[in-house]
Each structure stands twice: as C-alpha cells, then as structure tokens.
Amino acid sequence: MKLTVVVQAGGESRRMGSNKALLSFLSQPLIQRVIERVRPIADEILITANHPKDFEFLKLPVYEDVLPGHGALGGLLTALTVSSANVTAVIACDMPFVSPNLLVYQAQLLQRGNWDAVVPKSKGGYEPFHGVYRTESCRQAVREAMERGEKKLIAWFPAVRVHIIEGESLNLFDPEGRIFWNVNTPEEFQAAEQLAHADEE
C-alpha cells in the first residue's frame, strides 16, 4: 500500500502572532519536526500552504489551495487532490507529537475494513487532521460538501464509510493524551517544547 502524507500548513496562526509552522521547536522549525516524525512511514510527503515560498527550504512539493477561501475544508480538499496515492494521511503542521504508529494502524484498518476514512476521536472531538483517507471517495465527498456551502470540517462524513478510533483503542497509542495537542499560543508552544525536551533526556 502506498501512503501519501500531506502536512497542512495553511492556518493563519492568529493566536501565535507569527507562522507557527516556522517557529523553532527544539532547534528546528516545528513543521520540520512533524515531517521527520512521519517520514519513515510515507511514500510521499506533500505540504499545503497559503505561502509556498516560506517552505522552499524543506525541498518538498508545496501546494496552494485548489479552491481558495474555504478554510480547513479547502485544505483537506487540496490534500486529497494533490495526493498521488490511493490512501492519504492528512496531518496538521502544529502537532509536535503526531504519531506515525497510529497513522500506520489507521491505514491498516482502512485497508482491512474497506473503510473510506479512519479518524481518531479524542476528548476534544474528531481529529480529522490526524486522519487517513481513501483518496478518491473522500475527495468527491469533500468537494460535494463544499459545493453545498458546508463549512464544518466533518460535514462530509455521512457521505462515506467512516471508522472512528476512540476509547481504549486510542489510549494504546496515546496514553498521555499528547498526540492531538495543537500548539496555538506561545504558552502552549513552550509547554509542548518542554515536554518534548524531557522525552529526549
């Protein structure tokens, strides 16, 4: 099974005050940390971003939204459009503890269970930016949702077969509740960096 991983770097970073994807996290840009974590499991790594030039240093393909102005849903459509694989993992650039092991498990479930999407559900709700998708069927469902004027990131779920990972199944991969931690403020960024530093000691 070929797996494309698409890193979403199109957020506005309003609460951070600067582009969080490029902020230094343990001496490397945060997005680079995320990429290095998933590199071993990916046959292809792509980036979606509003300002592609900012990410040239990564030497990876960077794509602007195919339908600009649609926020996170537009980013997801772009990810599913530019992927060259039948199965696509879509992750956020601001999750320093993104889990390659969980993504592999999601991809295996997708294949074995003939699902269209395998998405974790944490205490904070669905985590579509740590999701694994059957590229073609999900792309069509996302596009149709956007054409209906939907804005919610999960508005298209009823149109496809979605398997949710939650509870004990999820705890096996995330006992400390870190995987889906988005760093949106300087305080969250600093706290995550301290945790990551402690992990390395």
N, C-alpha and C. Protein backbone atom coordinates (compact mmCIF):
# COMPACT_ATOMS: atom_id res chain seq x y z
N MET A 1 0.84 -1.20 0.00
CA MET A 1 0.00 0.00 0.00
C MET A 1 0.88 1.26 0.00
N LYS A 2 0.64 2.10 -0.96
CA LYS A 2 1.36 3.37 -1.00
C LYS A 2 0.62 4.39 -0.14
N LEU A 3 1.36 5.13 0.69
CA LEU A 3 0.76 6.12 1.58
C LEU A 3 1.38 7.49 1.33
N THR A 4 0.53 8.43 0.96
CA THR A 4 0.94 9.84 0.88
C THR A 4 0.57 10.52 2.20
N VAL A 5 1.49 11.29 2.75
CA VAL A 5 1.19 12.11 3.93
C VAL A 5 1.21 13.57 3.50
N VAL A 6 0.11 14.26 3.77
CA VAL A 6 0.02 15.68 3.43
C VAL A 6 -0.02 16.49 4.72
N VAL A 7 0.92 17.43 4.83
CA VAL A 7 1.01 18.28 6.02
C VAL A 7 0.31 19.60 5.72
N GLN A 8 -0.70 19.91 6.52
CA GLN A 8 -1.47 21.14 6.34
C GLN A 8 -0.77 22.30 7.06
N ALA A 9 -0.33 23.28 6.29
CA ALA A 9 0.38 24.43 6.88
C ALA A 9 -0.27 25.74 6.45
N GLY A 10 -1.59 25.70 6.28
CA GLY A 10 -2.28 26.87 5.74
C GLY A 10 -2.98 27.73 6.77
N GLY A 11 -2.84 27.40 8.06
CA GLY A 11 -3.55 28.17 9.10
C GLY A 11 -3.04 29.59 9.22
N GLU A 12 -3.84 30.42 9.87
CA GLU A 12 -3.50 31.84 9.99
C GLU A 12 -2.55 32.13 11.16
N SER A 13 -2.49 31.21 12.14
CA SER A 13 -1.61 31.39 13.31
C SER A 13 -1.91 32.69 14.05
N ARG A 14 -3.17 33.08 14.11
CA ARG A 14 -3.52 34.38 14.72
C ARG A 14 -3.12 34.45 16.19
N ARG A 15 -3.40 33.38 16.94
CA ARG A 15 -3.12 33.41 18.38
C ARG A 15 -1.63 33.33 18.69
N MET A 16 -0.86 32.79 17.75
CA MET A 16 0.57 32.68 17.96
C MET A 16 1.27 34.00 17.66
N GLY A 17 0.74 34.76 16.73
CA GLY A 17 1.34 36.05 16.38
C GLY A 17 2.34 35.96 15.24
N SER A 18 2.76 34.74 14.88
CA SER A 18 3.62 34.53 13.72
C SER A 18 3.36 33.11 13.22
N ASN A 19 3.91 32.79 12.06
CA ASN A 19 3.64 31.48 11.45
C ASN A 19 4.23 30.37 12.31
N LYS A 20 3.35 29.64 13.02
CA LYS A 20 3.84 28.66 13.99
C LYS A 20 4.59 27.51 13.32
N ALA A 21 4.25 27.22 12.07
CA ALA A 21 4.93 26.13 11.37
C ALA A 21 6.44 26.38 11.28
N LEU A 22 6.82 27.66 11.28
CA LEU A 22 8.23 28.01 11.08
C LEU A 22 8.95 28.33 12.39
N LEU A 23 8.22 28.35 13.50
CA LEU A 23 8.85 28.65 14.79
C LEU A 23 9.80 27.51 15.18
N SER A 24 10.88 27.87 15.84
CA SER A 24 11.89 26.88 16.22
C SER A 24 11.39 26.04 17.39
N PHE A 25 11.34 24.73 17.17
CA PHE A 25 10.92 23.77 18.20
C PHE A 25 12.08 22.81 18.39
N LEU A 26 12.71 22.87 19.56
CA LEU A 26 13.92 22.07 19.80
C LEU A 26 14.93 22.25 18.65
N SER A 27 15.16 23.49 18.30
CA SER A 27 16.21 23.88 17.34
C SER A 27 15.90 23.56 15.88
N GLN A 28 14.65 23.22 15.57
CA GLN A 28 14.28 23.07 14.16
C GLN A 28 12.86 23.61 13.96
N PRO A 29 12.52 24.08 12.75
CA PRO A 29 11.15 24.56 12.52
C PRO A 29 10.14 23.48 12.90
N LEU A 30 9.05 23.88 13.54
CA LEU A 30 8.04 22.93 14.00
C LEU A 30 7.59 22.00 12.88
N ILE A 31 7.36 22.55 11.69
CA ILE A 31 6.89 21.71 10.58
C ILE A 31 7.93 20.64 10.22
N GLN A 32 9.20 20.98 10.39
CA GLN A 32 10.25 20.00 10.09
C GLN A 32 10.22 18.84 11.09
N ARG A 33 9.94 19.16 12.35
CA ARG A 33 9.80 18.10 13.36
C ARG A 33 8.66 17.16 12.98
N VAL A 34 7.53 17.74 12.58
CA VAL A 34 6.36 16.94 12.20
C VAL A 34 6.71 16.04 11.01
N ILE A 35 7.38 16.61 10.02
CA ILE A 35 7.76 15.85 8.82
C ILE A 35 8.71 14.70 9.17
N GLU A 36 9.69 14.99 10.02
CA GLU A 36 10.66 13.94 10.38
C GLU A 36 9.98 12.79 11.12
N ARG A 37 8.93 13.09 11.87
CA ARG A 37 8.23 12.03 12.60
C ARG A 37 7.50 11.08 11.64
N VAL A 38 6.97 11.62 10.54
CA VAL A 38 6.18 10.78 9.63
C VAL A 38 6.98 10.26 8.44
N ARG A 39 8.18 10.79 8.25
CA ARG A 39 8.97 10.41 7.07
C ARG A 39 9.14 8.89 6.93
N PRO A 40 9.40 8.15 8.01
CA PRO A 40 9.63 6.70 7.86
C PRO A 40 8.42 5.92 7.33
N ILE A 41 7.23 6.47 7.47
CA ILE A 41 6.03 5.71 7.05
C ILE A 41 5.47 6.19 5.71
N ALA A 42 6.03 7.27 5.17
CA ALA A 42 5.42 7.91 3.99
C ALA A 42 6.15 7.54 2.70
N ASP A 43 5.39 7.20 1.67
CA ASP A 43 5.97 7.04 0.34
C ASP A 43 6.12 8.38 -0.35
N GLU A 44 5.32 9.34 0.09
CA GLU A 44 5.33 10.68 -0.50
C GLU A 44 4.90 11.65 0.59
N ILE A 45 5.61 12.79 0.70
CA ILE A 45 5.21 13.83 1.65
C ILE A 45 4.98 15.11 0.87
N LEU A 46 3.82 15.71 1.08
CA LEU A 46 3.43 16.95 0.41
C LEU A 46 3.00 17.96 1.47
N ILE A 47 3.01 19.23 1.08
CA ILE A 47 2.60 20.30 2.00
C ILE A 47 1.55 21.16 1.31
N THR A 48 0.52 21.56 2.06
CA THR A 48 -0.40 22.57 1.54
C THR A 48 -0.19 23.84 2.37
N ALA A 49 -0.11 24.98 1.69
CA ALA A 49 0.19 26.23 2.38
C ALA A 49 -0.28 27.42 1.56
N ASN A 50 -0.59 28.51 2.25
CA ASN A 50 -1.00 29.75 1.56
C ASN A 50 0.20 30.48 0.97
N HIS A 51 1.37 30.27 1.57
CA HIS A 51 2.58 30.98 1.12
C HIS A 51 3.69 29.95 0.85
N PRO A 52 3.64 29.32 -0.32
CA PRO A 52 4.58 28.22 -0.62
C PRO A 52 6.04 28.59 -0.47
N LYS A 53 6.40 29.83 -0.77
CA LYS A 53 7.82 30.22 -0.72
C LYS A 53 8.40 30.04 0.69
N ASP A 54 7.54 30.18 1.71
CA ASP A 54 8.02 30.04 3.10
C ASP A 54 8.58 28.65 3.38
N PHE A 55 8.19 27.68 2.56
CA PHE A 55 8.53 26.29 2.86
C PHE A 55 9.49 25.67 1.85
N GLU A 56 10.09 26.52 1.01
CA GLU A 56 11.02 26.01 0.00
C GLU A 56 12.20 25.28 0.62
N PHE A 57 12.59 25.70 1.83
CA PHE A 57 13.77 25.10 2.49
C PHE A 57 13.57 23.61 2.77
N LEU A 58 12.32 23.15 2.80
CA LEU A 58 12.05 21.74 3.09
C LEU A 58 12.30 20.84 1.88
N LYS A 59 12.38 21.48 0.71
CA LYS A 59 12.62 20.73 -0.54
C LYS A 59 11.57 19.63 -0.76
N LEU A 60 10.33 19.99 -0.50
CA LEU A 60 9.19 19.11 -0.73
C LEU A 60 8.16 19.86 -1.57
N PRO A 61 7.30 19.16 -2.31
CA PRO A 61 6.27 19.86 -3.09
C PRO A 61 5.30 20.59 -2.16
N VAL A 62 5.02 21.85 -2.49
CA VAL A 62 4.09 22.66 -1.70
C VAL A 62 2.97 23.15 -2.62
N TYR A 63 1.73 23.02 -2.16
CA TYR A 63 0.57 23.36 -2.99
C TYR A 63 -0.31 24.39 -2.29
N GLU A 64 -0.75 25.37 -3.06
CA GLU A 64 -1.78 26.28 -2.56
C GLU A 64 -3.15 25.64 -2.75
N ASP A 65 -4.15 26.13 -2.02
CA ASP A 65 -5.49 25.54 -2.09
C ASP A 65 -6.05 25.58 -3.50
N VAL A 66 -6.65 24.47 -3.91
CA VAL A 66 -7.24 24.41 -5.25
C VAL A 66 -8.49 25.28 -5.32
N LEU A 67 -9.17 25.45 -4.20
CA LEU A 67 -10.31 26.37 -4.11
C LEU A 67 -10.06 27.29 -2.92
N PRO A 68 -9.39 28.42 -3.14
CA PRO A 68 -9.01 29.29 -2.01
C PRO A 68 -10.23 29.86 -1.28
N GLY A 69 -9.99 30.20 -0.01
CA GLY A 69 -11.03 30.88 0.76
C GLY A 69 -12.01 29.96 1.45
N HIS A 70 -11.71 28.67 1.51
CA HIS A 70 -12.63 27.73 2.14
C HIS A 70 -12.07 27.14 3.43
N GLY A 71 -11.04 27.78 3.98
CA GLY A 71 -10.52 27.37 5.27
C GLY A 71 -10.02 25.94 5.31
N ALA A 72 -10.27 25.30 6.46
CA ALA A 72 -9.73 23.95 6.69
C ALA A 72 -10.30 22.93 5.71
N LEU A 73 -11.58 23.08 5.35
CA LEU A 73 -12.20 22.15 4.41
C LEU A 73 -11.51 22.25 3.04
N GLY A 74 -11.17 23.48 2.65
CA GLY A 74 -10.45 23.68 1.40
C GLY A 74 -9.06 23.06 1.44
N GLY A 75 -8.41 23.13 2.61
CA GLY A 75 -7.11 22.49 2.77
C GLY A 75 -7.20 20.98 2.62
N LEU A 76 -8.27 20.41 3.17
CA LEU A 76 -8.47 18.97 3.08
C LEU A 76 -8.72 18.55 1.63
N LEU A 77 -9.53 19.33 0.93
CA LEU A 77 -9.78 19.04 -0.49
C LEU A 77 -8.48 19.09 -1.27
N THR A 78 -7.65 20.08 -1.00
CA THR A 78 -6.37 20.20 -1.70
C THR A 78 -5.49 18.98 -1.43
N ALA A 79 -5.43 18.57 -0.17
CA ALA A 79 -4.62 17.40 0.19
C ALA A 79 -5.06 16.17 -0.59
N LEU A 80 -6.36 15.98 -0.70
CA LEU A 80 -6.89 14.80 -1.39
C LEU A 80 -6.80 14.93 -2.91
N THR A 81 -6.58 16.15 -3.38
CA THR A 81 -6.45 16.40 -4.82
C THR A 81 -5.02 16.20 -5.29
N VAL A 82 -4.05 16.62 -4.48
CA VAL A 82 -2.65 16.57 -4.92
C VAL A 82 -1.99 15.22 -4.62
N SER A 83 -2.58 14.44 -3.73
CA SER A 83 -2.01 13.13 -3.40
C SER A 83 -2.00 12.22 -4.62
N SER A 84 -0.90 11.47 -4.78
CA SER A 84 -0.82 10.54 -5.91
C SER A 84 -1.13 9.11 -5.48
N ALA A 85 -1.44 8.91 -4.19
CA ALA A 85 -1.69 7.57 -3.67
C ALA A 85 -3.19 7.33 -3.49
N ASN A 86 -3.56 6.06 -3.41
CA ASN A 86 -4.96 5.72 -3.15
C ASN A 86 -5.35 5.98 -1.71
N VAL A 87 -4.33 6.01 -0.82
CA VAL A 87 -4.58 6.26 0.59
C VAL A 87 -3.75 7.47 1.01
N THR A 88 -4.41 8.42 1.69
CA THR A 88 -3.76 9.68 2.05
C THR A 88 -3.96 9.95 3.53
N ALA A 89 -2.86 10.19 4.23
CA ALA A 89 -2.92 10.67 5.61
C ALA A 89 -2.80 12.19 5.58
N VAL A 90 -3.66 12.86 6.34
CA VAL A 90 -3.63 14.32 6.39
C VAL A 90 -3.38 14.73 7.83
N ILE A 91 -2.31 15.50 8.04
CA ILE A 91 -1.94 15.89 9.39
C ILE A 91 -1.72 17.40 9.47
N ALA A 92 -1.86 17.93 10.68
CA ALA A 92 -1.64 19.36 10.90
C ALA A 92 -0.17 19.61 11.19
N CYS A 93 0.30 20.79 10.80
CA CYS A 93 1.72 21.13 10.99
C CYS A 93 2.02 21.52 12.43
N ASP A 94 0.98 21.71 13.25
CA ASP A 94 1.20 22.24 14.60
C ASP A 94 0.97 21.18 15.68
N MET A 95 1.15 19.90 15.31
CA MET A 95 1.01 18.82 16.28
C MET A 95 2.37 18.17 16.49
N PRO A 96 3.13 18.66 17.46
CA PRO A 96 4.51 18.17 17.63
C PRO A 96 4.61 16.71 18.04
N PHE A 97 3.48 16.11 18.48
CA PHE A 97 3.52 14.71 18.92
C PHE A 97 2.73 13.80 17.98
N VAL A 98 2.57 14.23 16.73
CA VAL A 98 1.89 13.41 15.72
C VAL A 98 2.48 11.99 15.77
N SER A 99 1.61 10.98 15.63
CA SER A 99 2.04 9.60 15.86
C SER A 99 2.11 8.78 14.57
N PRO A 100 3.31 8.45 14.11
CA PRO A 100 3.42 7.59 12.93
C PRO A 100 2.83 6.21 13.17
N ASN A 101 2.96 5.69 14.39
CA ASN A 101 2.41 4.36 14.69
C ASN A 101 0.89 4.35 14.57
N LEU A 102 0.25 5.41 15.06
CA LEU A 102 -1.21 5.49 14.96
C LEU A 102 -1.63 5.63 13.50
N LEU A 103 -0.90 6.42 12.73
CA LEU A 103 -1.24 6.59 11.32
C LEU A 103 -1.14 5.27 10.56
N VAL A 104 -0.10 4.48 10.86
CA VAL A 104 0.04 3.16 10.22
C VAL A 104 -1.14 2.27 10.60
N TYR A 105 -1.51 2.27 11.87
CA TYR A 105 -2.66 1.49 12.35
C TYR A 105 -3.94 1.93 11.63
N GLN A 106 -4.11 3.24 11.47
CA GLN A 106 -5.28 3.76 10.76
C GLN A 106 -5.30 3.27 9.31
N ALA A 107 -4.14 3.32 8.67
CA ALA A 107 -4.06 2.88 7.26
C ALA A 107 -4.37 1.38 7.14
N GLN A 108 -3.88 0.61 8.09
CA GLN A 108 -4.16 -0.83 8.07
C GLN A 108 -5.65 -1.11 8.27
N LEU A 109 -6.26 -0.39 9.20
CA LEU A 109 -7.70 -0.54 9.43
C LEU A 109 -8.49 -0.18 8.18
N LEU A 110 -8.07 0.90 7.52
CA LEU A 110 -8.75 1.36 6.31
C LEU A 110 -8.77 0.25 5.26
N GLN A 111 -7.62 -0.37 5.07
CA GLN A 111 -7.49 -1.43 4.07
C GLN A 111 -8.27 -2.68 4.46
N ARG A 112 -8.10 -3.11 5.69
CA ARG A 112 -8.72 -4.36 6.13
C ARG A 112 -10.24 -4.24 6.22
N GLY A 113 -10.71 -3.10 6.68
CA GLY A 113 -12.15 -2.94 6.90
C GLY A 113 -12.89 -2.34 5.73
N ASN A 114 -12.14 -2.01 4.67
CA ASN A 114 -12.75 -1.39 3.50
C ASN A 114 -13.49 -0.10 3.86
N TRP A 115 -12.85 0.70 4.73
CA TRP A 115 -13.41 2.00 5.10
C TRP A 115 -12.96 3.08 4.11
N ASP A 116 -13.67 4.20 4.11
CA ASP A 116 -13.23 5.37 3.32
C ASP A 116 -12.37 6.30 4.17
N ALA A 117 -12.62 6.31 5.46
CA ALA A 117 -11.88 7.20 6.35
C ALA A 117 -11.72 6.53 7.71
N VAL A 118 -10.55 6.69 8.31
CA VAL A 118 -10.32 6.23 9.68
C VAL A 118 -9.80 7.44 10.46
N VAL A 119 -10.62 7.87 11.42
CA VAL A 119 -10.37 9.14 12.11
C VAL A 119 -10.41 8.93 13.62
N PRO A 120 -9.40 9.42 14.35
CA PRO A 120 -9.46 9.32 15.81
C PRO A 120 -10.49 10.30 16.38
N LYS A 121 -10.98 9.96 17.56
CA LYS A 121 -11.87 10.86 18.30
C LYS A 121 -11.34 10.96 19.72
N SER A 122 -10.78 12.12 20.06
CA SER A 122 -10.22 12.34 21.38
C SER A 122 -11.27 13.01 22.27
N LYS A 123 -10.86 13.37 23.47
CA LYS A 123 -11.79 14.09 24.36
C LYS A 123 -12.22 15.42 23.75
N GLY A 124 -11.39 15.95 22.87
CA GLY A 124 -11.71 17.22 22.22
C GLY A 124 -12.59 17.08 21.00
N GLY A 125 -12.91 15.85 20.61
CA GLY A 125 -13.76 15.62 19.44
C GLY A 125 -13.00 14.91 18.33
N TYR A 126 -13.59 14.93 17.14
CA TYR A 126 -12.95 14.29 15.99
C TYR A 126 -11.61 14.96 15.67
N GLU A 127 -10.68 14.16 15.16
CA GLU A 127 -9.34 14.67 14.82
C GLU A 127 -9.06 14.40 13.33
N PRO A 128 -9.78 15.11 12.44
CA PRO A 128 -9.61 14.85 11.00
C PRO A 128 -8.24 15.21 10.47
N PHE A 129 -7.47 16.03 11.21
CA PHE A 129 -6.10 16.33 10.78
C PHE A 129 -5.08 15.41 11.44
N HIS A 130 -5.56 14.23 11.80
CA HIS A 130 -4.69 13.07 12.07
C HIS A 130 -5.44 11.89 11.46
N GLY A 131 -5.98 12.15 10.25
CA GLY A 131 -6.87 11.18 9.61
C GLY A 131 -6.21 10.47 8.44
N VAL A 132 -6.75 9.29 8.14
CA VAL A 132 -6.29 8.53 6.97
C VAL A 132 -7.50 8.28 6.08
N TYR A 133 -7.35 8.58 4.78
CA TYR A 133 -8.49 8.64 3.87
C TYR A 133 -8.25 7.86 2.59
N ARG A 134 -9.33 7.24 2.10
CA ARG A 134 -9.30 6.68 0.75
C ARG A 134 -9.46 7.87 -0.18
N THR A 135 -8.42 8.15 -0.93
CA THR A 135 -8.27 9.46 -1.57
C THR A 135 -9.46 9.84 -2.46
N GLU A 136 -9.83 8.96 -3.37
CA GLU A 136 -10.81 9.34 -4.37
C GLU A 136 -12.21 9.53 -3.80
N SER A 137 -12.68 8.58 -3.01
CA SER A 137 -14.04 8.67 -2.48
C SER A 137 -14.18 9.85 -1.52
N CYS A 138 -13.15 10.10 -0.73
CA CYS A 138 -13.21 11.22 0.21
C CYS A 138 -13.10 12.57 -0.49
N ARG A 139 -12.27 12.63 -1.52
CA ARG A 139 -12.16 13.87 -2.30
C ARG A 139 -13.51 14.26 -2.87
N GLN A 140 -14.21 13.29 -3.43
CA GLN A 140 -15.52 13.57 -4.02
C GLN A 140 -16.51 14.04 -2.95
N ALA A 141 -16.50 13.39 -1.79
CA ALA A 141 -17.43 13.75 -0.71
C ALA A 141 -17.13 15.15 -0.17
N VAL A 142 -15.85 15.48 -0.03
CA VAL A 142 -15.46 16.81 0.46
C VAL A 142 -15.87 17.89 -0.54
N ARG A 143 -15.63 17.63 -1.82
CA ARG A 143 -15.99 18.61 -2.85
C ARG A 143 -17.50 18.85 -2.87
N GLU A 144 -18.26 17.79 -2.77
CA GLU A 144 -19.73 17.93 -2.78
C GLU A 144 -20.22 18.71 -1.56
N ALA A 145 -19.58 18.48 -0.42
CA ALA A 145 -19.94 19.23 0.80
C ALA A 145 -19.65 20.72 0.61
N MET A 146 -18.50 21.03 0.00
CA MET A 146 -18.15 22.43 -0.24
C MET A 146 -19.12 23.07 -1.23
N GLU A 147 -19.52 22.31 -2.24
CA GLU A 147 -20.48 22.84 -3.22
C GLU A 147 -21.84 23.14 -2.58
N ARG A 148 -22.15 22.41 -1.51
CA ARG A 148 -23.40 22.68 -0.77
C ARG A 148 -23.25 23.86 0.18
N GLY A 149 -22.03 24.39 0.26
CA GLY A 149 -21.80 25.53 1.14
C GLY A 149 -21.43 25.15 2.56
N GLU A 150 -21.10 23.88 2.78
CA GLU A 150 -20.73 23.44 4.13
C GLU A 150 -19.39 24.06 4.54
N LYS A 151 -19.26 24.33 5.81
CA LYS A 151 -18.02 24.90 6.34
C LYS A 151 -17.34 23.95 7.33
N LYS A 152 -18.14 23.10 7.99
CA LYS A 152 -17.61 22.22 9.02
C LYS A 152 -16.70 21.18 8.41
N LEU A 153 -15.58 20.94 9.08
CA LEU A 153 -14.56 20.04 8.55
C LEU A 153 -15.05 18.61 8.41
N ILE A 154 -16.04 18.23 9.21
CA ILE A 154 -16.53 16.84 9.15
C ILE A 154 -17.91 16.76 8.50
N ALA A 155 -18.33 17.82 7.82
CA ALA A 155 -19.68 17.86 7.23
C ALA A 155 -19.91 16.74 6.22
N TRP A 156 -18.85 16.22 5.65
CA TRP A 156 -18.96 15.21 4.58
C TRP A 156 -18.94 13.79 5.12
N PHE A 157 -18.73 13.60 6.41
CA PHE A 157 -18.63 12.25 6.98
C PHE A 157 -19.84 11.36 6.65
N PRO A 158 -21.08 11.88 6.71
CA PRO A 158 -22.22 10.99 6.44
C PRO A 158 -22.23 10.39 5.03
N ALA A 159 -21.46 10.98 4.10
CA ALA A 159 -21.48 10.52 2.71
C ALA A 159 -20.51 9.35 2.46
N VAL A 160 -19.68 9.03 3.46
CA VAL A 160 -18.69 7.96 3.29
C VAL A 160 -18.73 7.01 4.49
N ARG A 161 -17.95 5.93 4.38
CA ARG A 161 -17.86 4.96 5.48
C ARG A 161 -16.68 5.36 6.38
N VAL A 162 -17.03 5.85 7.56
CA VAL A 162 -16.01 6.36 8.50
C VAL A 162 -15.88 5.42 9.68
N HIS A 163 -14.64 5.04 9.99
CA HIS A 163 -14.38 4.26 11.20
C HIS A 163 -13.71 5.18 12.21
N ILE A 164 -14.27 5.24 13.40
CA ILE A 164 -13.75 6.10 14.45
C ILE A 164 -12.92 5.28 15.44
N ILE A 165 -11.72 5.78 15.76
CA ILE A 165 -10.88 5.17 16.78
C ILE A 165 -11.01 6.02 18.05
N GLU A 166 -11.45 5.40 19.14
CA GLU A 166 -11.60 6.17 20.38
C GLU A 166 -11.44 5.23 21.57
N GLY A 167 -11.56 5.80 22.75
CA GLY A 167 -11.53 4.99 23.97
C GLY A 167 -10.23 4.22 24.12
N GLU A 168 -10.37 2.95 24.54
CA GLU A 168 -9.20 2.13 24.83
C GLU A 168 -8.30 1.94 23.62
N SER A 169 -8.90 1.79 22.44
CA SER A 169 -8.10 1.60 21.22
C SER A 169 -7.16 2.78 21.01
N LEU A 170 -7.66 3.97 21.29
CA LEU A 170 -6.85 5.18 21.11
C LEU A 170 -5.83 5.32 22.24
N ASN A 171 -6.23 4.96 23.44
CA ASN A 171 -5.33 5.10 24.59
C ASN A 171 -4.06 4.26 24.43
N LEU A 172 -4.15 3.15 23.70
CA LEU A 172 -2.97 2.32 23.46
C LEU A 172 -1.87 3.12 22.78
N PHE A 173 -2.27 4.05 21.92
CA PHE A 173 -1.30 4.86 21.18
C PHE A 173 -1.01 6.18 21.88
N ASP A 174 -1.93 6.62 22.71
CA ASP A 174 -1.84 7.96 23.27
C ASP A 174 -2.16 7.98 24.76
N PRO A 175 -1.44 7.19 25.57
CA PRO A 175 -1.78 7.10 26.99
C PRO A 175 -1.68 8.43 27.73
N GLU A 176 -0.84 9.33 27.23
CA GLU A 176 -0.65 10.61 27.92
C GLU A 176 -1.47 11.74 27.31
N GLY A 177 -2.25 11.42 26.26
CA GLY A 177 -3.12 12.44 25.66
C GLY A 177 -2.37 13.57 24.97
N ARG A 178 -1.29 13.22 24.27
CA ARG A 178 -0.47 14.26 23.64
C ARG A 178 -0.63 14.37 22.12
N ILE A 179 -0.98 13.27 21.47
CA ILE A 179 -0.88 13.21 20.01
C ILE A 179 -1.57 14.38 19.33
N PHE A 180 -2.76 14.74 19.80
CA PHE A 180 -3.57 15.75 19.08
C PHE A 180 -3.40 17.15 19.65
N TRP A 181 -2.37 17.31 20.44
CA TRP A 181 -2.12 18.61 21.05
C TRP A 181 -1.68 19.62 19.98
N ASN A 182 -2.56 20.57 19.69
CA ASN A 182 -2.21 21.67 18.78
C ASN A 182 -1.57 22.79 19.58
N VAL A 183 -0.47 23.33 19.09
CA VAL A 183 0.14 24.47 19.78
C VAL A 183 -0.33 25.75 19.11
N ASN A 184 -1.27 26.43 19.76
CA ASN A 184 -1.89 27.61 19.17
C ASN A 184 -1.42 28.93 19.78
N THR A 185 -0.83 28.87 20.97
CA THR A 185 -0.38 30.08 21.66
C THR A 185 1.08 29.91 22.06
N PRO A 186 1.76 31.01 22.34
CA PRO A 186 3.16 30.90 22.79
C PRO A 186 3.29 30.03 24.05
N GLU A 187 2.30 30.10 24.94
CA GLU A 187 2.35 29.31 26.17
C GLU A 187 2.25 27.81 25.87
N GLU A 188 1.33 27.44 24.96
CA GLU A 188 1.19 26.03 24.57
C GLU A 188 2.46 25.54 23.87
N PHE A 189 3.01 26.40 23.05
CA PHE A 189 4.24 26.05 22.32
C PHE A 189 5.37 25.74 23.30
N GLN A 190 5.53 26.61 24.27
CA GLN A 190 6.60 26.44 25.26
C GLN A 190 6.39 25.18 26.08
N ALA A 191 5.14 24.92 26.48
CA ALA A 191 4.84 23.73 27.29
C ALA A 191 5.12 22.45 26.49
N ALA A 192 4.74 22.45 25.21
CA ALA A 192 4.98 21.28 24.36
C ALA A 192 6.48 21.06 24.17
N GLU A 193 7.21 22.15 23.99
CA GLU A 193 8.66 22.04 23.79
C GLU A 193 9.34 21.46 25.03
N GLN A 194 8.87 21.89 26.20
CA GLN A 194 9.45 21.36 27.45
C GLN A 194 9.18 19.85 27.58
N LEU A 195 7.97 19.43 27.23
CA LEU A 195 7.63 18.01 27.27
C LEU A 195 8.49 17.20 26.30
N ALA A 196 8.61 17.72 25.08
CA ALA A 196 9.41 17.03 24.07
C ALA A 196 10.87 16.94 24.50
N HIS A 197 11.36 18.01 25.12
CA HIS A 197 12.74 18.02 25.60
C HIS A 197 12.94 16.96 26.68
N ALA A 198 11.95 16.85 27.57
CA ALA A 198 12.03 15.85 28.64
C ALA A 198 12.03 14.44 28.06
N ASP A 199 11.29 14.23 26.97
CA ASP A 199 11.24 12.92 26.31
C ASP A 199 12.62 12.50 25.80
N GLU A 200 13.39 13.49 25.38
CA GLU A 200 14.69 13.20 24.76
C GLU A 200 15.81 12.99 25.78
N GLU A 201 15.53 13.35 27.03
CA GLU A 201 16.59 13.23 28.03
C GLU A 201 16.73 11.81 28.56
